[in-house]
Protein backbone atom coordinates (compact mmCIF):
# COMPACT_ATOMS: atom_id res chain seq x y z
CA MET A 1 5.95 3.56 53.57
CA GLN A 2 7.36 4.08 50.06
CA VAL A 3 9.94 6.89 49.55
CA ARG A 4 8.99 8.64 46.37
CA THR A 5 12.31 10.13 44.45
CA LYS A 6 12.39 12.93 42.09
CA GLN A 7 13.59 11.66 38.55
CA LYS A 8 16.53 14.00 37.44
CA ASN A 9 15.80 15.57 34.02
CA GLN A 10 17.50 14.15 31.51
CA GLY A 11 18.59 17.28 28.99
CA GLY A 12 15.37 18.95 29.74
CA ARG A 13 11.48 17.99 28.57
CA PRO A 14 10.71 15.38 26.57
CA ARG A 15 10.18 16.26 22.84
CA LYS A 16 6.02 16.15 22.18
CA PHE A 17 5.18 15.02 18.93
CA ASP A 18 2.24 13.52 16.85
CA GLU A 19 3.51 9.82 15.98
CA GLY A 20 1.11 9.15 13.29
CA GLU A 21 2.34 12.39 11.71
CA ALA A 22 5.92 11.73 11.79
CA LEU A 23 5.73 8.00 10.44
CA GLY A 24 4.05 9.38 7.51
CA ARG A 25 6.87 11.63 6.97
CA MET A 26 9.33 9.34 7.35
CA ARG A 27 7.06 6.97 4.97
CA ARG A 28 7.09 9.60 2.36
CA GLN A 29 11.23 9.72 2.73
CA LEU A 30 11.11 6.30 2.36
CA TRP A 31 9.06 5.99 -0.40
CA THR A 32 10.97 8.16 -2.54
CA THR A 33 14.66 6.91 -1.44
CA GLY A 34 14.12 3.39 -0.60
CA LEU A 35 15.14 1.71 2.95
CA SER A 36 18.72 1.27 2.02
CA GLY A 37 18.97 4.81 -0.10
CA THR A 38 18.64 6.90 3.28
CA SER A 39 20.24 6.88 6.48
CA ILE A 40 19.15 6.76 10.07
CA GLU A 41 20.01 10.49 10.14
CA GLY A 42 17.89 11.67 6.85
CA ILE A 43 15.23 9.61 8.41
CA ALA A 44 15.22 11.38 11.77
CA ARG A 45 15.48 14.70 10.08
CA SER A 46 12.25 13.91 7.75
CA ALA A 47 10.41 13.37 11.12
CA GLY A 48 12.01 16.60 12.81
CA LEU A 49 13.12 14.34 15.23
CA ASN A 50 16.89 13.66 16.75
CA ARG A 51 18.08 9.98 16.86
CA PRO A 52 17.23 9.56 20.29
CA SER A 53 13.74 10.28 20.55
CA LEU A 54 13.76 8.66 16.90
CA ALA A 55 15.11 5.21 18.43
CA ALA A 56 13.21 5.50 21.58
CA ALA A 57 9.50 6.45 19.38
CA PHE A 58 10.16 3.90 16.65
CA GLY A 59 13.25 1.68 16.56
CA ASP A 60 16.01 1.02 14.45
CA LYS A 61 15.44 1.40 10.04
CA ASP A 62 13.94 -1.59 10.04
CA ALA A 63 11.09 -1.38 12.51
CA ILE A 64 10.83 1.99 11.15
CA TYR A 65 9.89 0.78 7.51
CA ALA A 66 7.43 -1.99 9.07
CA LYS A 67 5.92 0.55 11.18
CA ALA A 68 5.30 2.90 7.91
CA ALA A 69 4.50 -0.06 5.74
CA ALA A 70 1.89 -1.00 8.38
CA GLN A 71 0.42 2.52 8.51
CA TYR A 72 0.07 2.26 4.68
CA GLY A 73 -1.47 -1.33 4.70
CA ARG A 74 -4.24 -0.08 6.99
CA MET A 75 -4.73 2.88 4.42
CA MET A 76 -4.83 1.08 1.67
CA ASP A 77 -7.10 -2.23 3.16
CA HIS A 78 -9.48 0.33 4.32
CA ARG A 79 -10.18 2.46 0.99
CA MET A 80 -9.83 -0.80 -1.22
CA ARG A 81 -12.77 -2.60 0.96
CA GLU A 82 -14.71 0.51 0.68
CA ALA A 83 -13.96 0.53 -3.56
CA MET A 84 -15.14 -3.11 -3.59
CA ALA A 85 -18.17 -2.57 -1.86
CA ASP A 86 -20.35 -2.18 -4.80
CA GLU A 87 -22.55 -5.33 -5.73
CA ASP A 88 -21.86 -5.05 -9.18
CA LEU A 89 -18.62 -6.88 -9.95
CA ALA A 90 -17.55 -4.58 -12.82
CA THR A 91 -18.17 -1.74 -10.52
CA ALA A 92 -16.40 -2.69 -7.73
CA LEU A 93 -13.35 -3.95 -9.77
CA MET A 94 -13.29 0.02 -11.50
CA ASN A 95 -13.28 1.22 -8.48
CA ALA A 96 -10.92 -0.76 -6.51
CA PHE A 97 -8.29 0.13 -9.68
CA ALA A 98 -9.03 3.83 -9.92
CA THR A 99 -8.77 3.80 -6.02
CA ALA A 100 -5.04 2.54 -5.99
CA ILE A 101 -4.01 5.01 -9.38
CA ASP A 102 -5.05 7.51 -7.23
CA ILE A 103 -3.30 6.51 -4.40
CA TYR A 104 0.07 5.92 -6.69
CA THR A 105 -0.65 9.56 -8.34
CA GLU A 106 -1.78 11.82 -6.02
CA ASN A 107 1.98 13.39 -5.02
CA GLY A 108 3.42 12.68 -8.05
CA PRO A 109 4.40 9.30 -9.68
CA ASN A 110 5.07 6.98 -6.68
CA GLY A 111 3.37 3.82 -7.50
CA CYS A 112 2.84 1.71 -4.26
CA PHE A 113 4.82 2.52 -0.88
CA ILE A 114 5.51 -1.17 -0.56
CA THR A 115 5.71 -2.76 -3.72
CA SER A 116 7.91 -0.06 -5.37
CA THR A 117 10.68 -0.13 -2.23
CA ALA A 118 10.37 -3.31 -1.15
CA PRO A 119 11.60 -5.59 -3.78
CA ALA A 120 15.06 -4.31 -3.88
CA GLU A 121 15.81 -5.24 -0.51
CA THR A 122 14.24 -8.63 -0.56
CA LEU A 123 17.46 -10.70 -1.23
CA THR A 124 19.34 -8.95 1.88
CA ASN A 125 16.41 -7.78 4.38
CA SER A 126 14.44 -10.96 6.00
CA VAL A 127 12.13 -8.39 7.68
CA VAL A 128 11.27 -6.30 4.25
CA ARG A 129 10.93 -9.82 2.30
CA ASP A 130 7.98 -11.11 5.05
CA ILE A 131 6.53 -7.61 4.40
CA LEU A 132 6.69 -7.94 0.99
CA ASN A 133 5.27 -11.70 0.90
CA ARG A 134 2.59 -10.54 3.56
CA THR A 135 1.22 -7.69 1.22
CA LEU A 136 0.99 -9.85 -1.48
CA HIS A 137 -0.79 -12.39 -0.38
CA ASP A 138 -3.45 -9.68 1.58
CA ILE A 139 -3.86 -8.38 -1.79
CA ASP A 140 -5.02 -11.51 -3.41
CA ALA A 141 -6.53 -12.34 -0.84
CA ARG A 142 -9.04 -8.97 -1.46
CA PHE A 143 -9.38 -9.43 -4.94
CA LEU A 144 -10.18 -13.22 -3.84
CA GLU A 145 -13.08 -12.36 -0.97
CA ARG A 146 -14.64 -10.08 -3.61
CA LEU A 147 -14.80 -12.61 -6.16
CA ASP A 148 -15.99 -14.89 -3.87
CA LYS A 149 -19.40 -13.19 -3.82
CA GLU A 150 -20.18 -14.15 -6.95
CA LYS A 151 -21.31 -17.61 -6.16
CA GLY A 152 -22.58 -19.76 -8.99
CA ARG A 153 -20.50 -17.78 -11.29
CA GLY A 154 -17.12 -17.59 -13.12
CA PRO A 155 -13.90 -19.95 -13.29
CA ALA A 156 -13.64 -22.76 -11.02
CA ASP A 157 -10.24 -21.41 -9.81
CA LEU A 158 -11.01 -17.85 -8.54
CA PRO A 159 -7.37 -17.82 -6.19
CA LEU A 160 -5.74 -17.77 -9.74
CA LEU A 161 -7.78 -15.05 -10.99
CA ALA A 162 -7.86 -13.13 -8.31
CA ALA A 163 -3.94 -13.43 -8.36
CA GLN A 164 -3.78 -12.25 -11.87
CA LEU A 165 -5.98 -8.59 -10.71
CA GLY A 166 -3.44 -8.39 -7.99
CA ALA A 167 -0.48 -8.76 -10.72
CA THR A 168 -2.42 -5.60 -12.85
CA LEU A 169 -2.57 -3.77 -9.30
CA HIS A 170 0.93 -4.05 -9.03
CA SER A 171 1.64 -3.58 -12.73
CA LEU A 172 0.06 -0.55 -12.17
CA SER A 173 2.49 0.33 -9.19
CA LEU A 174 5.11 0.24 -11.08
CA ARG A 175 4.03 1.99 -14.78
CA ALA A 176 3.10 5.13 -12.32
CA ARG A 177 6.55 4.70 -10.89
CA ALA A 178 7.81 4.77 -14.31
CA GLY A 179 5.74 7.87 -14.83
CA TRP A 180 2.86 5.96 -16.88
CA THR A 181 -0.77 8.77 -17.52
CA ARG A 182 -3.13 8.43 -15.33
CA ASP A 183 -5.65 8.37 -18.44
CA LYS A 184 -2.85 4.92 -19.43
CA LEU A 185 -3.03 3.33 -16.15
CA HIS A 186 -7.20 3.41 -16.29
CA THR A 187 -6.97 1.84 -19.88
CA LEU A 188 -4.80 -0.77 -18.61
CA ALA A 189 -6.90 -1.96 -15.34
CA GLU A 190 -10.30 -1.70 -17.84
CA GLY A 191 -8.38 -3.98 -20.25
CA THR A 192 -7.84 -6.67 -17.12
CA ILE A 193 -11.49 -6.42 -16.15
CA ARG A 194 -12.75 -6.71 -19.50
CA THR A 195 -10.65 -10.22 -19.17
CA VAL A 196 -12.56 -11.27 -15.65
CA LEU A 197 -15.87 -10.44 -17.06
CA ALA A 198 -15.40 -12.26 -20.10
CA PHE A 199 -14.99 -15.36 -17.48
CA TYR A 200 -18.41 -13.94 -16.21
CA GLY A 201 -20.44 -14.08 -19.35
CA ASN A 202 -20.21 -10.17 -20.15
CA PRO A 203 -17.11 -9.08 -21.19
CA ASP A 204 -17.76 -5.43 -21.78
CA ARG A 205 -20.92 -3.32 -20.90
CA ARG A 206 -20.78 -3.17 -17.43
CA SER A 207 -16.43 -2.19 -18.06
CA SER A 208 -17.79 0.46 -20.16
CA GLU A 209 -20.19 1.46 -17.60
CA ALA A 210 -18.22 1.45 -14.84
CA SER A 211 -15.27 3.42 -16.10
CA ALA A 212 -17.69 6.55 -17.32
CA PRO A 213 -17.29 9.46 -15.44
């Protein structure tokens, strides 16, 4: 016969909270301060949690950053996939950059969560370095996936062209964080798209149509 023992209550009932919402608040804090710019106590306060609850649910600072980056990455990937679903290449690229600009500026001059916060940590933190490298790879892969749909068209070195589109995306993030207006960001994106479309034999018309409100 099994004997069931009642566990002693250690400090009252466990606090219930929505882990997704708490992680979103912590990501907001990290987006502002960076990983090194805040303490574990500051991260806990941003989520409305005490340190034991924070550690039990999310782990240490590196684990919290990794979870926040994964949460952001899933959101970004979903929205960029939707944006690039259009069959017309110019429209797909304009939608992608417009979506990114919306994300980078919707709550102030934030830029991309990962590319705005990870670079300063990469020389001393291998966890963050791996996250940044994976993010850069995934962004290039997303653009390459879209360019690959243009069968028999465009330049031979599509990975390089995809990386150039990714580089523009990173530049938009940096410039958004520096306070560039949305109009200036869109103008930069449109210039890159015109360059890309030139490889496909139509540098102007479709990009101007895609950028029209």
